[in-house]
Each structure stands twice: as structure tokens, then as C-alpha cells.
Amino acid sequence: MKKDIHPDYHEITVITTDGKSFKTNSTWGKAGDTMRLEIDPKSHPAWTGIHRLVDSGGQLAKFNKKFQGLGLKKQ
């Protein structure tokens, strides 16, 4: 393998949406960093069956503004 081309593999702490935490190894961030999850298996619609819209970066607002004149009712 080539030297110095692979990211650093270190231990981080992951905090789930319900506040529980665990340690894992990752290439994300720096050693000792904390990753806070916004969506995990306890809150993701694919596992819970409860669907809610998450407006990431204003995409939902942009869509609603673009298509507001189509006569669709908001729920």
C-alpha cells in the first residue's frame, strides 16, 4: 500500500437522538470528537413507519414557493 494516503482511523463518541452514546472507530473528525446524530434507526421513517418532512437546507421551503400556485392543500 502507498504510505500517507489513507485517512486516520481513530475513536469517536456517537450520541443518538435519544441521548444515548457509544464509542466507535471512524475516519470522521478527529480523535475524541463527538458526533451527534439527527436521524438514527429510532427516528428514521424507514424503521419507525412514521413519516415527517425534514427541511434540509431550505429545500422544502424552496419547493413550496415554486409550486404554491398549483392549488394543492397543505396538510
PDB file of N, CA and C in Angstrom:
ATOM      1  N   MET A   1       0.834  -1.189   0.000  1.00  0.00           N
ATOM      2  CA  MET A   1       0.000   0.000   0.000  1.00  0.00           C
ATOM      3  C   MET A   1       0.873   1.244   0.000  1.00  0.00           C
ATOM      4  N   LYS A   2       0.337   2.308  -0.584  1.00  0.00           N
ATOM      5  CA  LYS A   2       1.048   3.581  -0.571  1.00  0.00           C
ATOM      6  C   LYS A   2       0.958   4.192   0.831  1.00  0.00           C
ATOM      7  N   LYS A   3       2.013   4.859   1.221  1.00  0.00           N
ATOM      8  CA  LYS A   3       2.042   5.497   2.533  1.00  0.00           C
ATOM      9  C   LYS A   3       1.378   6.868   2.470  1.00  0.00           C
ATOM     10  N   ASP A   4       0.785   7.270   3.590  1.00  0.00           N
ATOM     11  CA  ASP A   4       0.222   8.613   3.791  1.00  0.00           C
ATOM     12  C   ASP A   4      -0.929   8.968   2.857  1.00  0.00           C
ATOM     13  N   ILE A   5      -1.669   7.989   2.332  1.00  0.00           N
ATOM     14  CA  ILE A   5      -2.833   8.311   1.515  1.00  0.00           C
ATOM     15  C   ILE A   5      -4.134   7.920   2.212  1.00  0.00           C
ATOM     16  N   HIS A   6      -4.045   7.167   3.293  1.00  0.00           N
ATOM     17  CA  HIS A   6      -5.241   6.700   3.982  1.00  0.00           C
ATOM     18  C   HIS A   6      -5.593   7.638   5.135  1.00  0.00           C
ATOM     19  N   PRO A   7      -6.891   7.886   5.362  1.00  0.00           N
ATOM     20  CA  PRO A   7      -7.289   8.754   6.474  1.00  0.00           C
ATOM     21  C   PRO A   7      -6.983   8.113   7.817  1.00  0.00           C
ATOM     22  N   ASP A   8      -6.845   8.955   8.822  1.00  0.00           N
ATOM     23  CA  ASP A   8      -6.574   8.499  10.184  1.00  0.00           C
ATOM     24  C   ASP A   8      -7.802   7.767  10.735  1.00  0.00           C
ATOM     25  N   TYR A   9      -7.609   6.609  11.306  1.00  0.00           N
ATOM     26  CA  TYR A   9      -8.677   5.795  11.890  1.00  0.00           C
ATOM     27  C   TYR A   9      -8.547   5.896  13.403  1.00  0.00           C
ATOM     28  N   HIS A  10      -9.559   6.485  14.060  1.00  0.00           N
ATOM     29  CA  HIS A  10      -9.461   6.788  15.487  1.00  0.00           C
ATOM     30  C   HIS A  10     -10.809   6.578  16.175  1.00  0.00           C
ATOM     31  N   GLU A  11     -10.833   6.729  17.492  1.00  0.00           N
ATOM     32  CA  GLU A  11     -12.048   6.529  18.276  1.00  0.00           C
ATOM     33  C   GLU A  11     -12.818   7.840  18.430  1.00  0.00           C
ATOM     34  N   ILE A  12     -14.153   7.788  18.205  1.00  0.00           N
ATOM     35  CA  ILE A  12     -15.035   8.932  18.425  1.00  0.00           C
ATOM     36  C   ILE A  12     -16.215   8.475  19.279  1.00  0.00           C
ATOM     37  N   THR A  13     -16.990   9.434  19.770  1.00  0.00           N
ATOM     38  CA  THR A  13     -18.201   9.153  20.521  1.00  0.00           C
ATOM     39  C   THR A  13     -19.392   9.556  19.668  1.00  0.00           C
ATOM     40  N   VAL A  14     -20.391   8.683  19.580  1.00  0.00           N
ATOM     41  CA  VAL A  14     -21.612   8.955  18.828  1.00  0.00           C
ATOM     42  C   VAL A  14     -22.759   9.097  19.817  1.00  0.00           C
ATOM     43  N   ILE A  15     -23.532  10.197  19.701  1.00  0.00           N
ATOM     44  CA  ILE A  15     -24.689  10.419  20.557  1.00  0.00           C
ATOM     45  C   ILE A  15     -25.935  10.324  19.683  1.00  0.00           C
ATOM     46  N   THR A  16     -26.851   9.394  20.037  1.00  0.00           N
ATOM     47  CA  THR A  16     -28.057   9.173  19.255  1.00  0.00           C
ATOM     48  C   THR A  16     -29.127  10.207  19.616  1.00  0.00           C
ATOM     49  N   THR A  17     -30.241  10.172  18.905  1.00  0.00           N
ATOM     50  CA  THR A  17     -31.303  11.165  19.112  1.00  0.00           C
ATOM     51  C   THR A  17     -31.947  11.079  20.487  1.00  0.00           C
ATOM     52  N   ASP A  18     -31.888   9.926  21.135  1.00  0.00           N
ATOM     53  CA  ASP A  18     -32.474   9.799  22.474  1.00  0.00           C
ATOM     54  C   ASP A  18     -31.462  10.070  23.590  1.00  0.00           C
ATOM     55  N   GLY A  19     -30.255  10.518  23.240  1.00  0.00           N
ATOM     56  CA  GLY A  19     -29.264  10.906  24.232  1.00  0.00           C
ATOM     57  C   GLY A  19     -28.276   9.824  24.622  1.00  0.00           C
ATOM     58  N   LYS A  20     -28.479   8.601  24.171  1.00  0.00           N
ATOM     59  CA  LYS A  20     -27.536   7.532  24.484  1.00  0.00           C
ATOM     60  C   LYS A  20     -26.267   7.733  23.666  1.00  0.00           C
ATOM     61  N   SER A  21     -25.159   7.255  24.190  1.00  0.00           N
ATOM     62  CA  SER A  21     -23.893   7.420  23.474  1.00  0.00           C
ATOM     63  C   SER A  21     -23.114   6.106  23.461  1.00  0.00           C
ATOM     64  N   PHE A  22     -22.241   5.997  22.456  1.00  0.00           N
ATOM     65  CA  PHE A  22     -21.352   4.850  22.361  1.00  0.00           C
ATOM     66  C   PHE A  22     -20.082   5.274  21.644  1.00  0.00           C
ATOM     67  N   LYS A  23     -19.038   4.526  21.869  1.00  0.00           N
ATOM     68  CA  LYS A  23     -17.756   4.800  21.228  1.00  0.00           C
ATOM     69  C   LYS A  23     -17.573   3.846  20.055  1.00  0.00           C
ATOM     70  N   THR A  24     -16.985   4.367  18.986  1.00  0.00           N
ATOM     71  CA  THR A  24     -16.713   3.563  17.808  1.00  0.00           C
ATOM     72  C   THR A  24     -15.474   4.105  17.110  1.00  0.00           C
ATOM     73  N   ASN A  25     -14.926   3.339  16.217  1.00  0.00           N
ATOM     74  CA  ASN A  25     -13.791   3.798  15.421  1.00  0.00           C
ATOM     75  C   ASN A  25     -14.300   4.353  14.099  1.00  0.00           C
ATOM     76  N   SER A  26     -13.674   5.426  13.630  1.00  0.00           N
ATOM     77  CA  SER A  26     -14.145   6.100  12.433  1.00  0.00           C
ATOM     78  C   SER A  26     -13.025   6.923  11.813  1.00  0.00           C
ATOM     79  N   THR A  27     -13.236   7.330  10.573  1.00  0.00           N
ATOM     80  CA  THR A  27     -12.332   8.278   9.918  1.00  0.00           C
ATOM     81  C   THR A  27     -12.911   9.681   9.984  1.00  0.00           C
ATOM     82  N   TRP A  28     -14.134   9.828  10.562  1.00  0.00           N
ATOM     83  CA  TRP A  28     -14.799  11.120  10.683  1.00  0.00           C
ATOM     84  C   TRP A  28     -14.142  11.952  11.770  1.00  0.00           C
ATOM     85  N   GLY A  29     -13.962  13.231  11.538  1.00  0.00           N
ATOM     86  CA  GLY A  29     -13.461  14.151  12.550  1.00  0.00           C
ATOM     87  C   GLY A  29     -12.048  13.831  13.022  1.00  0.00           C
ATOM     88  N   LYS A  30     -11.810  14.176  14.292  1.00  0.00           N
ATOM     89  CA  LYS A  30     -10.510  13.946  14.913  1.00  0.00           C
ATOM     90  C   LYS A  30     -10.697  13.015  16.104  1.00  0.00           C
ATOM     91  N   ALA A  31      -9.623  12.475  16.587  1.00  0.00           N
ATOM     92  CA  ALA A  31      -9.679  11.574  17.745  1.00  0.00           C
ATOM     93  C   ALA A  31     -10.350  12.271  18.919  1.00  0.00           C
ATOM     94  N   GLY A  32     -11.348  11.612  19.515  1.00  0.00           N
ATOM     95  CA  GLY A  32     -12.049  12.160  20.668  1.00  0.00           C
ATOM     96  C   GLY A  32     -13.231  13.050  20.338  1.00  0.00           C
ATOM     97  N   ASP A  33     -13.507  13.331  19.043  1.00  0.00           N
ATOM     98  CA  ASP A  33     -14.652  14.158  18.656  1.00  0.00           C
ATOM     99  C   ASP A  33     -15.967  13.459  18.988  1.00  0.00           C
ATOM    100  N   THR A  34     -17.046  14.255  19.047  1.00  0.00           N
ATOM    101  CA  THR A  34     -18.378  13.728  19.321  1.00  0.00           C
ATOM    102  C   THR A  34     -19.275  13.991  18.123  1.00  0.00           C
ATOM    103  N   MET A  35     -19.920  12.943  17.624  1.00  0.00           N
ATOM    104  CA  MET A  35     -20.867  13.058  16.511  1.00  0.00           C
ATOM    105  C   MET A  35     -22.277  12.956  17.085  1.00  0.00           C
ATOM    106  N   ARG A  36     -23.096  13.989  16.853  1.00  0.00           N
ATOM    107  CA  ARG A  36     -24.487  13.982  17.299  1.00  0.00           C
ATOM    108  C   ARG A  36     -25.367  13.664  16.095  1.00  0.00           C
ATOM    109  N   LEU A  37     -26.133  12.594  16.202  1.00  0.00           N
ATOM    110  CA  LEU A  37     -26.990  12.171  15.102  1.00  0.00           C
ATOM    111  C   LEU A  37     -28.310  12.932  15.121  1.00  0.00           C
ATOM    112  N   GLU A  38     -28.768  13.374  13.938  1.00  0.00           N
ATOM    113  CA  GLU A  38     -30.076  14.000  13.809  1.00  0.00           C
ATOM    114  C   GLU A  38     -31.126  12.940  13.481  1.00  0.00           C
ATOM    115  N   ILE A  39     -30.711  11.909  12.769  1.00  0.00           N
ATOM    116  CA  ILE A  39     -31.601  10.816  12.390  1.00  0.00           C
ATOM    117  C   ILE A  39     -30.869   9.511  12.644  1.00  0.00           C
ATOM    118  N   ASP A  40     -31.533   8.576  13.301  1.00  0.00           N
ATOM    119  CA  ASP A  40     -30.957   7.257  13.535  1.00  0.00           C
ATOM    120  C   ASP A  40     -32.078   6.222  13.416  1.00  0.00           C
ATOM    121  N   PRO A  41     -31.807   4.937  13.557  1.00  0.00           N
ATOM    122  CA  PRO A  41     -32.852   3.920  13.398  1.00  0.00           C
ATOM    123  C   PRO A  41     -34.063   4.106  14.313  1.00  0.00           C
ATOM    124  N   LYS A  42     -33.917   4.813  15.424  1.00  0.00           N
ATOM    125  CA  LYS A  42     -35.050   5.037  16.325  1.00  0.00           C
ATOM    126  C   LYS A  42     -35.946   6.169  15.833  1.00  0.00           C
ATOM    127  N   SER A  43     -35.435   7.025  14.931  1.00  0.00           N
ATOM    128  CA  SER A  43     -36.237   8.154  14.456  1.00  0.00           C
ATOM    129  C   SER A  43     -36.418   8.169  12.941  1.00  0.00           C
ATOM    130  N   HIS A  44     -35.762   7.289  12.202  1.00  0.00           N
ATOM    131  CA  HIS A  44     -35.847   7.284  10.740  1.00  0.00           C
ATOM    132  C   HIS A  44     -37.131   6.599  10.272  1.00  0.00           C
ATOM    133  N   PRO A  45     -37.856   7.221   9.333  1.00  0.00           N
ATOM    134  CA  PRO A  45     -39.122   6.657   8.863  1.00  0.00           C
ATOM    135  C   PRO A  45     -39.010   5.245   8.285  1.00  0.00           C
ATOM    136  N   ALA A  46     -37.881   4.882   7.744  1.00  0.00           N
ATOM    137  CA  ALA A  46     -37.729   3.549   7.171  1.00  0.00           C
ATOM    138  C   ALA A  46     -37.892   2.466   8.235  1.00  0.00           C
ATOM    139  N   TRP A  47     -37.539   2.773   9.481  1.00  0.00           N
ATOM    140  CA  TRP A  47     -37.652   1.785  10.558  1.00  0.00           C
ATOM    141  C   TRP A  47     -38.869   2.011  11.442  1.00  0.00           C
ATOM    142  N   THR A  48     -39.293   3.287  11.589  1.00  0.00           N
ATOM    143  CA  THR A  48     -40.396   3.576  12.504  1.00  0.00           C
ATOM    144  C   THR A  48     -41.759   3.539  11.837  1.00  0.00           C
ATOM    145  N   GLY A  49     -41.819   3.797  10.536  1.00  0.00           N
ATOM    146  CA  GLY A  49     -43.090   3.855   9.827  1.00  0.00           C
ATOM    147  C   GLY A  49     -43.790   5.190   9.980  1.00  0.00           C
ATOM    148  N   ILE A  50     -43.213   6.101  10.762  1.00  0.00           N
ATOM    149  CA  ILE A  50     -43.769   7.446  10.950  1.00  0.00           C
ATOM    150  C   ILE A  50     -43.002   8.394  10.045  1.00  0.00           C
ATOM    151  N   HIS A  51     -43.708   9.025   9.119  1.00  0.00           N
ATOM    152  CA  HIS A  51     -43.045   9.893   8.149  1.00  0.00           C
ATOM    153  C   HIS A  51     -43.226  11.349   8.528  1.00  0.00           C
ATOM    154  N   ARG A  52     -42.130  12.075   8.512  1.00  0.00           N
ATOM    155  CA  ARG A  52     -42.159  13.517   8.740  1.00  0.00           C
ATOM    156  C   ARG A  52     -41.155  14.147   7.790  1.00  0.00           C
ATOM    157  N   LEU A  53     -41.403  15.368   7.410  1.00  0.00           N
ATOM    158  CA  LEU A  53     -40.532  16.044   6.460  1.00  0.00           C
ATOM    159  C   LEU A  53     -39.423  16.768   7.209  1.00  0.00           C
ATOM    160  N   VAL A  54     -38.198  16.583   6.767  1.00  0.00           N
ATOM    161  CA  VAL A  54     -37.053  17.265   7.325  1.00  0.00           C
ATOM    162  C   VAL A  54     -36.563  18.247   6.276  1.00  0.00           C
ATOM    163  N   ASP A  55     -36.644  19.542   6.584  1.00  0.00           N
ATOM    164  CA  ASP A  55     -36.255  20.572   5.632  1.00  0.00           C
ATOM    165  C   ASP A  55     -34.764  20.833   5.740  1.00  0.00           C
ATOM    166  N   SER A  56     -34.002  20.105   4.956  1.00  0.00           N
ATOM    167  CA  SER A  56     -32.547  20.213   4.974  1.00  0.00           C
ATOM    168  C   SER A  56     -32.107  21.284   3.986  1.00  0.00           C
ATOM    169  N   GLY A  57     -31.578  22.361   4.502  1.00  0.00           N
ATOM    170  CA  GLY A  57     -31.061  23.418   3.641  1.00  0.00           C
ATOM    171  C   GLY A  57     -32.138  24.222   2.939  1.00  0.00           C
ATOM    172  N   GLY A  58     -33.372  24.220   3.438  1.00  0.00           N
ATOM    173  CA  GLY A  58     -34.433  25.014   2.847  1.00  0.00           C
ATOM    174  C   GLY A  58     -35.023  24.441   1.580  1.00  0.00           C
ATOM    175  N   GLN A  59     -34.746  23.192   1.261  1.00  0.00           N
ATOM    176  CA  GLN A  59     -35.239  22.592   0.022  1.00  0.00           C
ATOM    177  C   GLN A  59     -36.766  22.497   0.014  1.00  0.00           C
ATOM    178  N   LEU A  60     -37.366  22.161   1.154  1.00  0.00           N
ATOM    179  CA  LEU A  60     -38.821  22.052   1.227  1.00  0.00           C
ATOM    180  C   LEU A  60     -39.473  23.424   1.039  1.00  0.00           C
ATOM    181  N   ALA A  61     -38.924  24.441   1.662  1.00  0.00           N
ATOM    182  CA  ALA A  61     -39.458  25.793   1.507  1.00  0.00           C
ATOM    183  C   ALA A  61     -39.318  26.260   0.063  1.00  0.00           C
ATOM    184  N   LYS A  62     -38.200  25.946  -0.559  1.00  0.00           N
ATOM    185  CA  LYS A  62     -37.968  26.310  -1.961  1.00  0.00           C
ATOM    186  C   LYS A  62     -38.986  25.618  -2.872  1.00  0.00           C
ATOM    187  N   PHE A  63     -39.260  24.339  -2.622  1.00  0.00           N
ATOM    188  CA  PHE A  63     -40.240  23.587  -3.399  1.00  0.00           C
ATOM    189  C   PHE A  63     -41.634  24.191  -3.229  1.00  0.00           C
ATOM    190  N   ASN A  64     -42.017  24.460  -1.972  1.00  0.00           N
ATOM    191  CA  ASN A  64     -43.341  25.034  -1.712  1.00  0.00           C
ATOM    192  C   ASN A  64     -43.510  26.390  -2.376  1.00  0.00           C
ATOM    193  N   LYS A  65     -42.477  27.221  -2.367  1.00  0.00           N
ATOM    194  CA  LYS A  65     -42.534  28.538  -3.001  1.00  0.00           C
ATOM    195  C   LYS A  65     -42.705  28.392  -4.506  1.00  0.00           C
ATOM    196  N   LYS A  66     -41.991  27.467  -5.105  1.00  0.00           N
ATOM    197  CA  LYS A  66     -42.028  27.266  -6.552  1.00  0.00           C
ATOM    198  C   LYS A  66     -43.395  26.768  -7.019  1.00  0.00           C
ATOM    199  N   PHE A  67     -44.029  25.894  -6.238  1.00  0.00           N
ATOM    200  CA  PHE A  67     -45.270  25.269  -6.660  1.00  0.00           C
ATOM    201  C   PHE A  67     -46.485  25.713  -5.834  1.00  0.00           C
ATOM    202  N   GLN A  68     -46.426  26.888  -5.207  1.00  0.00           N
ATOM    203  CA  GLN A  68     -47.511  27.337  -4.344  1.00  0.00           C
ATOM    204  C   GLN A  68     -48.807  27.628  -5.102  1.00  0.00           C
ATOM    205  N   GLY A  69     -48.746  27.917  -6.380  1.00  0.00           N
ATOM    206  CA  GLY A  69     -49.929  28.265  -7.140  1.00  0.00           C
ATOM    207  C   GLY A  69     -50.650  27.101  -7.786  1.00  0.00           C
ATOM    208  N   LEU A  70     -50.297  25.881  -7.471  1.00  0.00           N
ATOM    209  CA  LEU A  70     -50.925  24.726  -8.104  1.00  0.00           C
ATOM    210  C   LEU A  70     -52.261  24.335  -7.490  1.00  0.00           C
ATOM    211  N   GLY A  71     -52.621  24.945  -6.381  1.00  0.00           N
ATOM    212  CA  GLY A  71     -53.911  24.666  -5.770  1.00  0.00           C
ATOM    213  C   GLY A  71     -53.926  23.445  -4.864  1.00  0.00           C
ATOM    214  N   LEU A  72     -52.778  22.954  -4.480  1.00  0.00           N
ATOM    215  CA  LEU A  72     -52.714  21.815  -3.559  1.00  0.00           C
ATOM    216  C   LEU A  72     -52.919  22.310  -2.131  1.00  0.00           C
ATOM    217  N   LYS A  73     -53.639  21.550  -1.346  1.00  0.00           N
ATOM    218  CA  LYS A  73     -53.892  21.927   0.039  1.00  0.00           C
ATOM    219  C   LYS A  73     -52.766  21.451   0.924  1.00  0.00           C
ATOM    220  N   LYS A  74     -52.372  22.297   1.869  1.00  0.00           N
ATOM    221  CA  LYS A  74     -51.361  21.903   2.847  1.00  0.00           C
ATOM    222  C   LYS A  74     -52.022  21.064   3.926  1.00  0.00           C
ATOM    223  N   GLN A  75     -51.312  20.056   4.412  1.00  0.00           N
ATOM    224  CA  GLN A  75     -51.871  19.188   5.454  1.00  0.00           C
ATOM    225  C   GLN A  75     -51.200  19.435   6.763  1.00  0.00           C
TER     226      GLN A  75
END
